[in-house]
N, C-alpha and C. Protein backbone atom coordinates (compact mmCIF):
# COMPACT_ATOMS: atom_id res chain seq x y z
N MET A 1 0.52 -1.21 -0.53
CA MET A 1 -0.07 0.04 -0.14
C MET A 1 0.86 1.28 -0.06
N ALA A 2 0.69 2.20 -0.95
CA ALA A 2 1.28 3.48 -1.00
C ALA A 2 1.20 4.83 0.22
N PHE A 3 1.45 5.87 0.82
CA PHE A 3 1.80 6.20 1.33
C PHE A 3 1.60 6.99 0.81
N ILE A 4 0.67 8.04 0.55
CA ILE A 4 -0.20 9.35 0.18
C ILE A 4 -0.29 10.59 1.79
N PRO A 5 0.66 11.23 1.20
CA PRO A 5 0.68 12.35 2.28
C PRO A 5 -0.94 13.02 2.23
N THR A 6 -1.82 13.56 3.26
CA THR A 6 -2.79 14.61 2.78
C THR A 6 -2.90 15.59 2.21
N SER A 7 -2.44 16.61 2.09
CA SER A 7 -1.91 17.15 1.06
C SER A 7 -1.74 16.82 -0.31
N ALA A 8 -2.50 15.48 -0.24
CA ALA A 8 -2.19 15.71 -1.71
C ALA A 8 -3.67 14.73 -1.64
N THR A 9 -4.34 14.42 -0.86
CA THR A 9 -5.20 13.24 -1.21
C THR A 9 -6.41 14.11 -1.90
N SER A 10 -6.71 14.83 -1.78
CA SER A 10 -7.69 15.79 -2.60
C SER A 10 -7.35 15.67 -4.39
N SER A 11 -5.73 16.25 -4.97
CA SER A 11 -5.71 16.11 -5.64
C SER A 11 -6.16 14.13 -5.97
N PHE A 12 -5.03 13.36 -5.86
CA PHE A 12 -5.55 11.82 -5.59
C PHE A 12 -6.66 11.56 -6.09
N VAL A 13 -8.25 12.19 -5.52
CA VAL A 13 -10.12 12.08 -6.04
C VAL A 13 -9.89 12.79 -6.68
N GLY A 14 -9.95 13.64 -7.41
CA GLY A 14 -9.85 13.82 -8.98
C GLY A 14 -9.34 13.56 -9.64
N LEU A 15 -8.14 12.81 -9.62
CA LEU A 15 -7.33 12.13 -9.91
C LEU A 15 -8.82 10.86 -10.69
N GLN A 16 -8.70 9.74 -9.43
CA GLN A 16 -9.19 8.71 -9.35
C GLN A 16 -10.78 8.79 -10.62
N ARG A 17 -10.77 10.38 -10.01
CA ARG A 17 -12.24 10.65 -11.58
C ARG A 17 -11.76 10.94 -12.53
N VAL A 18 -10.69 11.19 -13.06
CA VAL A 18 -11.04 12.14 -13.99
C VAL A 18 -9.94 10.26 -15.01
N VAL A 19 -9.17 9.71 -13.91
CA VAL A 19 -8.12 8.82 -14.89
C VAL A 19 -9.27 8.37 -15.21
N PRO A 20 -10.22 6.73 -14.72
CA PRO A 20 -10.61 5.83 -15.17
C PRO A 20 -11.65 6.69 -16.51
N GLU A 21 -12.26 7.97 -16.51
CA GLU A 21 -12.79 8.38 -18.06
C GLU A 21 -11.67 8.24 -19.00
N ILE A 22 -11.06 8.76 -18.93
CA ILE A 22 -9.75 9.15 -19.67
C ILE A 22 -9.26 7.72 -20.38
N CYS A 23 -9.03 6.88 -19.42
CA CYS A 23 -8.18 5.52 -19.89
C CYS A 23 -10.51 4.72 -20.58
N ARG A 24 -10.67 5.06 -19.69
CA ARG A 24 -12.89 4.16 -20.84
C ARG A 24 -12.78 5.14 -22.35
N ARG A 25 -12.58 6.59 -22.42
CA ARG A 25 -12.46 7.49 -23.18
C ARG A 25 -11.67 7.37 -24.75
N SER A 26 -10.36 6.73 -23.90
CA SER A 26 -9.33 6.23 -24.75
C SER A 26 -9.65 4.84 -25.58
N SER A 27 -9.82 3.58 -24.35
CA SER A 27 -10.34 2.37 -24.49
C SER A 27 -11.42 2.23 -25.56
N HIS A 28 -12.37 3.33 -26.15
CA HIS A 28 -13.75 3.07 -26.71
C HIS A 28 -13.14 3.35 -27.93
N GLN A 29 -12.70 4.30 -27.91
CA GLN A 29 -12.14 4.82 -29.67
C GLN A 29 -11.17 4.33 -29.77
N TYR A 30 -9.90 3.55 -29.30
CA TYR A 30 -9.47 2.20 -30.11
C TYR A 30 -10.04 1.55 -30.22
N ARG A 31 -10.57 0.31 -29.87
CA ARG A 31 -11.68 -0.08 -30.14
C ARG A 31 -12.93 0.48 -30.84
N ALA A 32 -13.52 1.19 -31.49
CA ALA A 32 -14.11 1.78 -33.13
C ALA A 32 -13.48 1.57 -34.28
N ARG A 33 -12.07 2.67 -33.43
CA ARG A 33 -10.99 2.40 -34.71
C ARG A 33 -10.78 1.14 -34.94
N ARG A 34 -10.95 0.09 -34.62
CA ARG A 34 -10.34 -0.62 -34.71
C ARG A 34 -10.69 -1.71 -35.41
N ARG A 35 -12.15 -1.37 -35.02
CA ARG A 35 -13.30 -2.25 -35.85
C ARG A 35 -14.18 -1.89 -37.02
N VAL A 36 -13.03 -0.67 -37.55
CA VAL A 36 -13.53 -0.06 -38.59
C VAL A 36 -13.06 -0.57 -39.49
N GLN A 37 -11.28 -0.72 -39.02
CA GLN A 37 -10.33 -1.06 -39.69
C GLN A 37 -10.80 -2.73 -40.58
N THR A 38 -11.10 -3.04 -39.06
CA THR A 38 -10.71 -5.37 -39.63
C THR A 38 -12.37 -5.24 -40.00
N ALA A 39 -13.56 -4.25 -39.81
CA ALA A 39 -14.69 -4.79 -41.15
C ALA A 39 -15.36 -4.97 -42.24
N SER A 40 -14.82 -6.98 -41.84
CA SER A 40 -15.92 -7.48 -43.06
C SER A 40 -16.90 -6.84 -44.21
N ILE A 41 -16.87 -7.16 -45.92
CA ILE A 41 -17.43 -6.85 -46.44
C ILE A 41 -18.95 -7.35 -46.22
N GLU A 42 -18.76 -8.47 -45.25
CA GLU A 42 -20.27 -8.92 -44.93
C GLU A 42 -21.08 -8.44 -43.95
N LYS A 43 -20.16 -7.51 -42.58
CA LYS A 43 -21.02 -6.20 -41.91
C LYS A 43 -21.24 -4.93 -42.73
N GLU A 44 -20.12 -4.50 -43.58
CA GLU A 44 -20.24 -3.57 -44.49
C GLU A 44 -21.56 -3.24 -45.24
N VAL A 45 -21.69 -4.26 -45.71
CA VAL A 45 -23.35 -4.27 -46.88
C VAL A 45 -24.03 -3.98 -45.20
N SER A 46 -24.03 -4.70 -44.06
CA SER A 46 -25.68 -5.04 -43.90
C SER A 46 -24.96 -3.56 -43.20
N GLN A 47 -24.62 -2.77 -42.38
CA GLN A 47 -24.31 -1.03 -42.08
C GLN A 47 -25.67 -0.12 -43.11
N SER A 48 -24.88 -0.76 -44.34
CA SER A 48 -24.76 0.11 -45.89
C SER A 48 -26.72 -0.07 -45.94
N LEU A 49 -27.06 -1.87 -45.81
CA LEU A 49 -28.57 -1.59 -45.39
C LEU A 49 -29.24 -0.33 -44.24
N LYS A 50 -28.35 -1.20 -43.42
CA LYS A 50 -29.45 0.09 -42.11
C LYS A 50 -29.74 1.68 -43.30
N GLU A 51 -28.23 1.75 -43.61
CA GLU A 51 -28.22 2.78 -43.97
C GLU A 51 -29.19 3.46 -44.87
N ALA A 52 -30.08 2.65 -45.46
CA ALA A 52 -30.79 2.58 -46.74
C ALA A 52 -32.24 2.48 -46.04
N MET A 53 -31.74 1.89 -44.83
CA MET A 53 -33.81 1.99 -44.74
C MET A 53 -34.17 2.68 -43.88
N LYS A 54 -33.04 3.51 -43.31
CA LYS A 54 -33.26 4.69 -42.64
C LYS A 54 -33.66 5.64 -43.81
N ASN A 55 -32.70 6.29 -44.55
CA ASN A 55 -32.62 6.99 -46.01
C ASN A 55 -33.56 6.93 -46.20
N LYS A 56 -34.15 5.81 -46.89
CA LYS A 56 -35.22 5.11 -47.95
C LYS A 56 -35.07 5.32 -48.83
N ASP A 57 -33.85 4.94 -49.28
CA ASP A 57 -33.14 4.75 -50.13
C ASP A 57 -33.34 3.03 -51.30
N THR A 58 -34.85 3.53 -52.24
CA THR A 58 -35.46 1.99 -52.74
C THR A 58 -34.78 1.63 -53.85
N SER A 59 -34.05 2.40 -54.32
CA SER A 59 -33.10 1.55 -55.31
C SER A 59 -31.45 0.44 -54.50
N LYS A 60 -30.92 1.82 -53.54
CA LYS A 60 -30.09 1.00 -53.10
C LYS A 60 -30.21 0.33 -52.48
N LEU A 61 -31.09 0.15 -51.61
CA LEU A 61 -32.26 -0.80 -50.97
C LEU A 61 -32.04 -2.02 -51.19
N LYS A 62 -33.02 -2.27 -52.32
CA LYS A 62 -33.06 -3.08 -53.94
C LYS A 62 -31.55 -4.21 -53.72
N ALA A 63 -30.87 -3.29 -54.19
CA ALA A 63 -29.85 -4.11 -54.27
C ALA A 63 -28.45 -4.29 -53.71
N LEU A 64 -29.08 -3.97 -52.44
CA LEU A 64 -28.40 -4.37 -51.10
C LEU A 64 -29.28 -5.36 -50.24
N ARG A 65 -30.32 -5.70 -51.04
CA ARG A 65 -31.03 -6.90 -49.75
C ARG A 65 -30.86 -8.20 -50.78
N GLY A 66 -30.91 -8.24 -52.26
CA GLY A 66 -29.75 -8.98 -53.10
C GLY A 66 -28.38 -9.46 -52.83
N ILE A 67 -28.10 -8.59 -52.82
CA ILE A 67 -26.02 -9.34 -52.23
C ILE A 67 -26.31 -9.66 -51.29
N ARG A 68 -26.90 -9.30 -49.75
CA ARG A 68 -27.55 -9.64 -48.44
C ARG A 68 -27.56 -10.97 -49.03
N ALA A 69 -29.20 -10.98 -49.46
CA ALA A 69 -29.75 -12.31 -49.71
C ALA A 69 -27.95 -13.96 -50.36
N ALA A 70 -27.50 -13.51 -51.27
CA ALA A 70 -26.25 -13.77 -51.62
C ALA A 70 -25.31 -14.81 -51.11
N PHE A 71 -24.94 -13.10 -49.94
CA PHE A 71 -23.99 -13.43 -48.77
C PHE A 71 -24.53 -14.21 -47.64
N LEU A 72 -26.17 -14.49 -47.22
CA LEU A 72 -26.45 -16.00 -46.38
C LEU A 72 -26.84 -17.41 -47.45
N THR A 73 -27.28 -17.68 -48.72
CA THR A 73 -26.61 -18.29 -49.31
C THR A 73 -25.47 -19.39 -49.36
N ALA A 74 -24.50 -17.99 -49.54
CA ALA A 74 -23.49 -19.09 -48.92
C ALA A 74 -22.99 -19.35 -48.35
N LEU A 75 -23.28 -18.52 -47.14
CA LEU A 75 -22.96 -19.11 -45.73
C LEU A 75 -23.62 -20.46 -45.12
N LYS A 76 -25.00 -19.88 -45.76
CA LYS A 76 -25.66 -21.64 -45.42
C LYS A 76 -24.56 -23.25 -46.46
N GLN A 77 -24.10 -22.45 -47.28
CA GLN A 77 -23.55 -23.94 -48.53
C GLN A 77 -22.24 -24.08 -47.93
N GLU A 78 -21.23 -22.99 -47.22
CA GLU A 78 -20.64 -22.96 -47.13
C GLU A 78 -20.33 -24.18 -45.76
N GLY A 79 -21.43 -23.65 -44.40
CA GLY A 79 -22.06 -24.55 -43.34
C GLY A 79 -21.20 -24.62 -42.47
N ALA A 80 -20.31 -23.46 -42.39
CA ALA A 80 -18.88 -22.88 -40.68
C ALA A 80 -19.44 -21.59 -40.83
N GLY A 81 -19.16 -21.75 -39.29
CA GLY A 81 -18.90 -20.48 -38.64
C GLY A 81 -21.08 -19.38 -38.96
N ASP A 82 -20.08 -17.95 -38.17
CA ASP A 82 -22.21 -17.63 -38.72
C ASP A 82 -21.41 -15.83 -39.60
N SER A 83 -20.61 -15.86 -39.50
CA SER A 83 -19.41 -14.71 -40.94
C SER A 83 -19.16 -15.02 -42.44
N LEU A 84 -19.68 -14.32 -43.39
CA LEU A 84 -18.81 -14.81 -44.63
C LEU A 84 -17.76 -14.57 -44.55
N PRO A 85 -15.99 -15.10 -44.60
CA PRO A 85 -14.56 -14.01 -45.11
C PRO A 85 -15.42 -13.34 -46.39
N ASP A 86 -14.08 -12.37 -45.96
CA ASP A 86 -14.59 -11.78 -47.24
C ASP A 86 -14.20 -12.79 -48.83
N LYS A 87 -13.44 -13.40 -48.94
CA LYS A 87 -12.26 -14.41 -50.13
C LYS A 87 -13.98 -14.17 -51.16
N ALA A 88 -15.15 -14.82 -49.98
CA ALA A 88 -16.28 -15.99 -50.48
C ALA A 88 -17.41 -14.43 -51.22
N ALA A 89 -17.40 -13.46 -50.10
CA ALA A 89 -18.06 -12.79 -50.16
C ALA A 89 -17.37 -11.60 -51.61
N ILE A 90 -16.54 -12.08 -51.50
CA ILE A 90 -16.43 -11.47 -53.50
C ILE A 90 -16.16 -12.35 -54.37
N GLU A 91 -16.60 -13.25 -54.42
CA GLU A 91 -16.89 -14.25 -55.53
C GLU A 91 -18.95 -13.73 -55.65
N GLN A 92 -19.31 -14.32 -54.47
CA GLN A 92 -20.91 -14.33 -54.62
C GLN A 92 -20.69 -12.33 -55.25
N LEU A 93 -20.12 -11.41 -54.76
CA LEU A 93 -20.30 -10.36 -55.29
C LEU A 93 -19.83 -10.85 -56.83
N ARG A 94 -18.62 -10.82 -57.16
CA ARG A 94 -18.58 -11.12 -58.65
C ARG A 94 -19.66 -12.20 -59.29
N LYS A 95 -20.31 -13.08 -59.10
CA LYS A 95 -22.09 -13.53 -59.51
C LYS A 95 -22.80 -12.42 -59.78
N LEU A 96 -23.11 -11.61 -58.84
CA LEU A 96 -23.93 -11.02 -59.28
C LEU A 96 -23.80 -9.79 -60.30
N ALA A 97 -22.53 -9.54 -59.86
CA ALA A 97 -22.30 -8.38 -60.74
C ALA A 97 -21.70 -9.04 -62.85
N LYS A 98 -21.68 -10.23 -62.45
CA LYS A 98 -21.89 -10.76 -63.77
C LYS A 98 -23.02 -11.15 -64.38
N MET A 99 -23.42 -11.13 -63.79
CA MET A 99 -25.29 -11.08 -63.80
C MET A 99 -25.40 -10.15 -64.76
N ARG A 100 -25.60 -9.33 -63.66
CA ARG A 100 -26.42 -8.01 -63.77
C ARG A 100 -25.71 -7.77 -64.92
N LYS A 101 -25.08 -7.47 -65.08
CA LYS A 101 -23.82 -7.30 -67.19
C LYS A 101 -25.32 -7.34 -67.97
N GLU A 102 -24.86 -9.28 -68.11
CA GLU A 102 -26.07 -10.00 -68.89
C GLU A 102 -27.56 -8.90 -68.89
N SER A 103 -28.29 -8.80 -67.66
CA SER A 103 -29.12 -8.50 -67.88
C SER A 103 -29.32 -7.25 -69.11
N ILE A 104 -28.13 -6.53 -67.83
CA ILE A 104 -28.61 -4.80 -69.14
C ILE A 104 -28.09 -4.96 -70.43
N ASP A 105 -27.29 -6.08 -70.87
CA ASP A 105 -27.00 -6.33 -72.22
C ASP A 105 -28.28 -6.68 -72.70
N MET A 106 -28.88 -7.86 -72.37
CA MET A 106 -30.08 -8.60 -72.57
C MET A 106 -31.13 -7.02 -72.31
N PHE A 107 -31.48 -6.80 -71.33
CA PHE A 107 -32.86 -4.92 -71.74
C PHE A 107 -32.39 -4.16 -72.44
N ARG A 108 -30.45 -4.23 -73.04
CA ARG A 108 -30.81 -3.06 -74.07
C ARG A 108 -31.06 -3.13 -75.60
N LYS A 109 -30.62 -4.46 -75.72
CA LYS A 109 -30.63 -5.46 -76.96
C LYS A 109 -31.96 -5.62 -77.13
N GLY A 110 -33.58 -5.65 -76.03
CA GLY A 110 -34.54 -5.65 -76.09
C GLY A 110 -35.47 -4.44 -76.11
N GLY A 111 -34.50 -3.45 -75.93
CA GLY A 111 -34.88 -1.67 -75.93
C GLY A 111 -35.58 -1.65 -74.68
N ARG A 112 -35.36 -2.24 -73.83
CA ARG A 112 -36.04 -2.14 -72.30
C ARG A 112 -34.31 -0.83 -71.55
N ASP A 113 -33.96 0.32 -71.46
CA ASP A 113 -33.66 1.24 -71.63
C ASP A 113 -33.72 1.12 -69.41
N ASP A 114 -35.53 1.53 -69.41
CA ASP A 114 -35.52 1.55 -68.39
C ASP A 114 -35.77 0.17 -67.42
N LEU A 115 -35.39 -0.74 -67.33
CA LEU A 115 -34.76 -1.29 -66.58
C LEU A 115 -33.63 -2.52 -66.80
N ALA A 116 -32.70 -1.90 -68.12
CA ALA A 116 -30.73 -1.85 -68.17
C ALA A 116 -30.23 -0.41 -66.88
N ASP A 117 -31.34 0.58 -66.80
CA ASP A 117 -30.71 1.27 -65.54
C ASP A 117 -30.91 1.33 -64.74
N ALA A 118 -32.17 0.68 -64.19
CA ALA A 118 -32.30 0.05 -62.75
C ALA A 118 -30.95 -0.98 -62.46
N GLU A 119 -31.18 -2.05 -63.68
CA GLU A 119 -29.76 -3.16 -63.44
C GLU A 119 -28.24 -2.33 -63.20
N GLU A 120 -27.92 -0.76 -64.16
CA GLU A 120 -26.61 -0.47 -63.81
C GLU A 120 -26.84 0.26 -62.39
N ALA A 121 -28.17 0.51 -61.84
CA ALA A 121 -27.75 1.19 -60.69
C ALA A 121 -27.55 -0.17 -59.40
N GLU A 122 -28.06 -0.62 -59.63
CA GLU A 122 -27.61 -1.97 -58.87
C GLU A 122 -26.10 -2.87 -58.55
N LEU A 123 -25.82 -2.65 -59.65
CA LEU A 123 -24.50 -2.94 -60.64
C LEU A 123 -23.66 -1.43 -59.68
N ASP A 124 -23.97 -1.01 -59.92
CA ASP A 124 -22.98 0.15 -59.66
C ASP A 124 -22.29 0.44 -57.73
N VAL A 125 -23.86 -0.48 -56.86
CA VAL A 125 -23.86 -0.61 -55.54
C VAL A 125 -23.00 -1.51 -55.29
N ILE A 126 -22.59 -2.94 -56.41
CA ILE A 126 -22.99 -3.96 -56.71
C ILE A 126 -20.51 -4.16 -56.45
N GLU A 127 -20.53 -3.27 -57.03
CA GLU A 127 -19.32 -2.94 -57.81
C GLU A 127 -18.53 -1.94 -56.61
N GLN A 128 -18.94 -0.97 -55.91
CA GLN A 128 -18.36 -0.66 -54.63
C GLN A 128 -17.32 -1.75 -53.12
N TRP A 129 -17.95 -3.10 -53.61
CA TRP A 129 -16.58 -3.57 -52.86
C TRP A 129 -16.19 -5.13 -53.67
N LEU A 130 -16.66 -4.27 -54.20
CA LEU A 130 -15.96 -5.08 -56.10
C LEU A 130 -13.70 -4.36 -55.64
N PRO A 131 -13.03 -5.38 -55.49
CA PRO A 131 -11.85 -4.86 -56.07
C PRO A 131 -11.48 -4.26 -57.24
N THR A 132 -10.30 -3.17 -57.78
CA THR A 132 -10.13 -3.40 -58.84
C THR A 132 -9.43 -4.41 -60.09
N LEU A 133 -10.25 -4.48 -61.16
CA LEU A 133 -9.88 -5.48 -62.26
C LEU A 133 -8.85 -5.05 -62.71
N ALA A 134 -7.47 -5.92 -64.08
CA ALA A 134 -6.74 -5.07 -64.07
C ALA A 134 -7.49 -4.61 -65.11
N SER A 135 -6.59 -3.55 -65.80
CA SER A 135 -7.44 -2.79 -67.42
C SER A 135 -7.52 -3.57 -68.41
N ARG A 136 -7.48 -3.89 -69.70
CA ARG A 136 -7.32 -4.20 -70.02
C ARG A 136 -5.56 -3.95 -71.12
N GLU A 137 -5.46 -3.41 -71.64
CA GLU A 137 -3.69 -3.66 -71.49
C GLU A 137 -3.34 -4.75 -70.35
N GLN A 138 -3.19 -4.95 -69.79
CA GLN A 138 -2.05 -5.42 -68.36
C GLN A 138 -3.38 -7.29 -68.74
N THR A 139 -4.41 -7.14 -69.01
CA THR A 139 -5.06 -8.32 -69.26
C THR A 139 -4.45 -8.71 -70.79
N ILE A 140 -3.98 -8.15 -71.87
CA ILE A 140 -3.67 -8.17 -73.38
C ILE A 140 -2.16 -8.39 -72.75
N GLU A 141 -1.57 -8.20 -71.34
CA GLU A 141 0.18 -8.97 -71.37
C GLU A 141 -0.34 -10.06 -70.86
N TRP A 142 -1.30 -10.11 -70.16
CA TRP A 142 -1.10 -11.59 -68.99
C TRP A 142 -1.15 -12.72 -70.46
N ALA A 143 -2.59 -12.59 -71.35
CA ALA A 143 -2.79 -13.44 -72.38
C ALA A 143 -1.75 -13.88 -72.96
N LYS A 144 -1.14 -12.71 -73.86
CA LYS A 144 0.01 -13.19 -74.16
C LYS A 144 0.99 -14.08 -73.67
N GLU A 145 1.60 -13.70 -72.70
CA GLU A 145 2.49 -14.35 -71.60
C GLU A 145 1.76 -16.23 -71.91
N ALA A 146 0.56 -15.45 -71.22
CA ALA A 146 0.20 -17.26 -71.30
C ALA A 146 0.39 -17.77 -72.33
N ILE A 147 -0.28 -16.88 -73.72
CA ILE A 147 0.02 -17.56 -74.88
C ILE A 147 1.45 -18.53 -74.80
N ALA A 148 2.44 -18.04 -74.88
CA ALA A 148 3.41 -18.33 -75.37
C ALA A 148 4.13 -18.93 -74.48
N LYS A 149 3.29 -19.51 -73.15
CA LYS A 149 3.61 -20.12 -72.12
C LYS A 149 3.14 -21.97 -72.39
N VAL A 150 2.05 -21.63 -73.24
CA VAL A 150 1.12 -22.67 -73.58
C VAL A 150 1.65 -23.21 -74.70
N GLY A 151 2.65 -22.54 -75.79
CA GLY A 151 2.16 -22.61 -77.15
C GLY A 151 1.07 -22.71 -78.26
N ALA A 152 0.03 -21.71 -77.87
CA ALA A 152 -0.58 -22.18 -78.13
C ALA A 152 -0.86 -21.10 -79.57
N SER A 153 -1.75 -21.30 -80.92
CA SER A 153 -1.00 -20.55 -82.19
C SER A 153 -2.64 -21.01 -82.93
N LYS A 154 -3.58 -21.76 -82.08
CA LYS A 154 -4.40 -21.59 -83.14
C LYS A 154 -6.25 -21.12 -82.21
N PRO A 155 -7.69 -20.71 -82.26
CA PRO A 155 -8.16 -20.46 -81.90
C PRO A 155 -9.14 -21.64 -80.97
N GLY A 156 -8.70 -23.09 -81.76
CA GLY A 156 -8.96 -23.67 -80.82
C GLY A 156 -8.21 -24.16 -79.23
N ASP A 157 -7.13 -23.29 -78.69
CA ASP A 157 -6.52 -23.84 -77.66
C ASP A 157 -6.60 -22.29 -76.52
N VAL A 158 -8.14 -21.83 -76.83
CA VAL A 158 -8.91 -20.65 -75.73
C VAL A 158 -7.89 -21.31 -74.63
N GLY A 159 -9.65 -22.65 -75.22
CA GLY A 159 -8.89 -23.41 -73.29
C GLY A 159 -7.66 -23.07 -72.23
N LYS A 160 -6.72 -23.75 -73.40
CA LYS A 160 -5.15 -23.98 -72.39
C LYS A 160 -4.57 -22.71 -72.07
N VAL A 161 -5.56 -21.42 -72.86
CA VAL A 161 -4.80 -20.67 -72.46
C VAL A 161 -5.71 -19.72 -71.36
N MET A 162 -6.93 -19.55 -71.42
CA MET A 162 -7.70 -19.84 -70.41
C MET A 162 -7.28 -20.21 -68.96
N GLY A 163 -6.68 -21.29 -68.99
CA GLY A 163 -6.75 -22.12 -68.17
C GLY A 163 -5.31 -21.35 -67.26
N ALA A 164 -4.57 -21.53 -67.66
CA ALA A 164 -3.17 -20.18 -67.45
C ALA A 164 -3.31 -19.53 -66.91
N ILE A 165 -3.91 -18.42 -67.62
CA ILE A 165 -4.68 -16.94 -67.90
C ILE A 165 -5.41 -16.96 -65.50
N MET A 166 -6.08 -17.67 -64.91
CA MET A 166 -6.97 -18.30 -64.26
C MET A 166 -6.77 -18.75 -63.24
N ARG A 167 -5.42 -19.59 -63.70
CA ARG A 167 -4.89 -20.03 -62.47
C ARG A 167 -3.22 -19.45 -62.22
N GLU A 168 -3.23 -17.73 -62.67
CA GLU A 168 -2.13 -17.10 -61.52
C GLU A 168 -2.83 -15.41 -61.73
N HIS A 169 -4.44 -15.23 -61.98
CA HIS A 169 -4.39 -14.35 -62.37
C HIS A 169 -6.29 -14.17 -61.68
N ARG A 170 -6.61 -15.08 -61.75
CA ARG A 170 -8.22 -15.52 -60.88
C ARG A 170 -9.09 -13.82 -60.27
N GLU A 171 -8.09 -13.13 -59.51
CA GLU A 171 -8.24 -12.47 -59.01
C GLU A 171 -9.03 -11.25 -59.73
N ASP A 172 -7.75 -11.12 -59.76
CA ASP A 172 -7.38 -9.91 -61.48
C ASP A 172 -8.32 -9.65 -62.14
N ILE A 173 -8.87 -10.36 -62.37
CA ILE A 173 -8.94 -9.86 -64.17
C ILE A 173 -10.91 -11.20 -63.96
N ASP A 174 -11.67 -9.89 -65.29
CA ASP A 174 -13.17 -10.74 -65.45
C ASP A 174 -12.68 -11.73 -66.28
N GLY A 175 -13.09 -12.88 -66.64
CA GLY A 175 -12.64 -13.92 -66.76
C GLY A 175 -13.19 -13.39 -69.12
N SER A 176 -14.77 -12.90 -68.99
CA SER A 176 -15.28 -13.08 -69.92
C SER A 176 -14.47 -11.71 -70.98
N SER A 177 -13.83 -10.95 -70.61
CA SER A 177 -13.40 -10.08 -71.07
C SER A 177 -11.24 -11.00 -71.72
N ALA A 178 -11.28 -11.52 -70.98
CA ALA A 178 -9.79 -12.38 -70.37
C ALA A 178 -10.36 -13.20 -71.63
N ARG A 179 -11.51 -14.29 -72.00
CA ARG A 179 -11.47 -15.06 -73.11
C ARG A 179 -11.97 -14.80 -74.44
N GLN A 180 -12.20 -13.45 -74.59
CA GLN A 180 -12.75 -12.39 -75.80
C GLN A 180 -11.21 -11.56 -76.24
N ILE A 181 -10.62 -11.77 -75.41
CA ILE A 181 -8.45 -11.35 -75.67
C ILE A 181 -8.02 -12.36 -76.21
N VAL A 182 -8.15 -12.97 -75.78
CA VAL A 182 -7.34 -14.33 -76.04
C VAL A 182 -7.87 -14.38 -76.90
N GLN A 183 -9.14 -15.07 -77.77
CA GLN A 183 -9.72 -15.38 -79.12
C GLN A 183 -9.11 -14.46 -80.18
N GLU A 184 -9.59 -12.57 -79.55
CA GLU A 184 -8.86 -12.16 -80.49
C GLU A 184 -6.95 -12.42 -81.51
N LEU A 185 -6.02 -12.42 -79.62
CA LEU A 185 -5.12 -13.17 -80.35
C LEU A 185 -5.08 -13.65 -80.91
N LEU A 186 -5.73 -15.39 -80.50
CA LEU A 186 -5.38 -16.20 -80.46
C LEU A 186 -5.97 -16.15 -82.90
N THR A 187 -6.57 -15.52 -83.03
CA THR A 187 -7.53 -15.66 -84.68
C THR A 187 -6.37 -14.19 -85.56
N SER A 188 -5.73 -13.82 -84.30
CA SER A 188 -4.73 -12.56 -85.71
C SER A 188 -3.92 -13.18 -85.90
């Protein structure tokens, strides 16, 4: 037990009141900062869903509900844990983005610009959580490297080339655009 002089007791009592408050505040701020930095995509989507509900943003709300439903389906298929890892969440987001792009193309061809615009709005919401993909120039470089590596020379070798590209760069490229680039390179 430490000896405290009587003249210091009044200031010590004041410190007893101030120090826990400072510690509590800084600890809370640290936890809040840490939580923001480590928030998973699934949690960010849930938070955005809450905000869209509060703001009554119906178009964003529809897209976020679709994303959340895809996450829940993937979580049930995985069967482990109560949260979806970011890698699995990105896979689901890519699937949703691909579906939206296909729908946009079909709606534009069918003359339904209103539905295509709605799909584009959903695609914008989905893409905010997707990592940026490689540029067309970078994809062409990787395609040329894969063609040389595999020794492809005819249009029938697209599958071999795509296999080589996807093994190395699956996370970084869009598969359909890469396939189109490979086909262009092998036919020219």
